[in-house]
């Protein structure tokens, strides 16, 4: 889960996936916006305010090229990001 400012609040996955995510610094407490890490699903979803998928070399960082990632904004009843 990511907060509206792009900070990673929590991660889930298998032990191997979490280990691989740690290698690219996708860990709790890190800001994962396009400003910080370049093109990625989280940052793009925050900018475009819509669901997005970023695959392989679409990621800016070469370290993320092995990943296929999706992100979707979650909104409250008033339409604000939560």
Protein backbone atom coordinates (compact mmCIF):
# COMPACT_ATOMS: atom_id res chain seq x y z
CA UNK A 1 0.00 0.00 0.00
CA UNK A 2 1.18 3.49 -0.90
CA UNK A 3 0.02 6.79 0.59
CA UNK A 4 -1.15 9.72 -1.59
CA UNK A 5 2.38 11.19 -1.50
CA UNK A 6 3.91 8.01 -2.91
CA UNK A 7 5.42 6.59 0.28
CA UNK A 8 5.38 2.81 0.62
CA UNK A 9 3.34 1.95 3.70
CA UNK A 10 3.42 -1.83 3.38
CA UNK A 11 4.43 -4.61 1.02
CA UNK A 12 3.16 -8.15 0.61
CA UNK A 13 4.42 -11.13 -1.34
CA UNK A 14 6.42 -14.29 -1.11
CA UNK A 15 9.72 -14.20 0.73
CA UNK A 16 11.59 -14.25 -2.60
CA UNK A 17 9.48 -11.42 -4.07
CA UNK A 18 10.06 -9.26 -1.00
CA UNK A 19 13.79 -10.03 -1.16
CA UNK A 20 13.87 -9.00 -4.84
CA UNK A 21 11.85 -5.85 -4.08
CA UNK A 22 14.35 -4.89 -1.39
CA UNK A 23 17.14 -5.05 -4.00
CA UNK A 24 15.46 -2.20 -5.91
CA UNK A 25 14.58 -0.34 -2.68
CA UNK A 26 10.84 -1.05 -2.90
CA UNK A 27 10.48 -1.18 0.87
CA UNK A 28 8.38 0.48 3.56
CA UNK A 29 9.15 4.14 4.12
CA UNK A 30 10.59 4.89 0.68
CA UNK A 31 8.94 7.42 -1.63
CA UNK A 32 8.22 5.65 -4.94
CA UNK A 33 7.18 8.52 -7.23
CA UNK A 34 8.31 9.32 -10.76
CA UNK A 35 10.32 12.21 -9.33
CA UNK A 36 12.23 9.82 -7.09
CA UNK A 37 12.68 6.68 -9.22
CA UNK A 38 11.50 7.51 -12.75
CA UNK A 39 8.68 5.83 -14.65
CA UNK A 40 6.96 3.15 -12.56
CA UNK A 41 3.37 2.02 -11.97
CA UNK A 42 3.00 3.67 -8.58
CA UNK A 43 4.31 7.05 -9.68
CA UNK A 44 2.37 7.00 -12.94
CA UNK A 45 -0.89 6.08 -11.20
CA UNK A 46 -0.42 9.00 -8.82
CA UNK A 47 0.25 11.44 -11.67
CA UNK A 48 -2.46 10.18 -14.04
CA UNK A 49 -4.92 9.40 -11.25
CA UNK A 50 -5.89 6.14 -12.96
CA UNK A 51 -5.04 2.45 -13.02
CA UNK A 52 -1.85 1.64 -14.92
CA UNK A 53 0.50 -1.23 -15.71
CA UNK A 54 4.22 -0.76 -16.38
CA UNK A 55 6.12 -3.74 -17.76
CA UNK A 56 9.81 -4.50 -18.13
CA UNK A 57 11.75 -1.84 -20.03
CA UNK A 58 8.86 0.63 -19.65
CA UNK A 59 10.32 1.24 -16.19
CA UNK A 60 12.87 4.04 -16.14
CA UNK A 61 15.30 2.21 -13.86
CA UNK A 62 17.11 -0.74 -15.41
CA UNK A 63 16.97 -2.48 -12.04
CA UNK A 64 13.17 -2.64 -12.43
CA UNK A 65 13.17 -4.10 -15.95
CA UNK A 66 12.52 -7.62 -14.58
CA UNK A 67 9.24 -6.44 -13.03
CA UNK A 68 5.69 -6.15 -14.35
CA UNK A 69 3.83 -3.76 -12.05
CA UNK A 70 0.30 -2.46 -11.68
CA UNK A 71 -1.11 0.32 -9.53
CA UNK A 72 -4.57 1.76 -8.98
CA UNK A 73 -5.56 4.82 -6.98
CA UNK A 74 -7.93 4.13 -4.09
CA UNK A 75 -10.35 6.95 -3.34
CA UNK A 76 -12.66 7.75 -0.43
CA UNK A 77 -16.34 8.63 -0.85
CA UNK A 78 -15.39 12.20 -1.78
CA UNK A 79 -12.99 11.06 -4.51
CA UNK A 80 -9.83 11.91 -2.58
CA UNK A 81 -6.85 9.55 -2.67
CA UNK A 82 -6.57 7.53 0.52
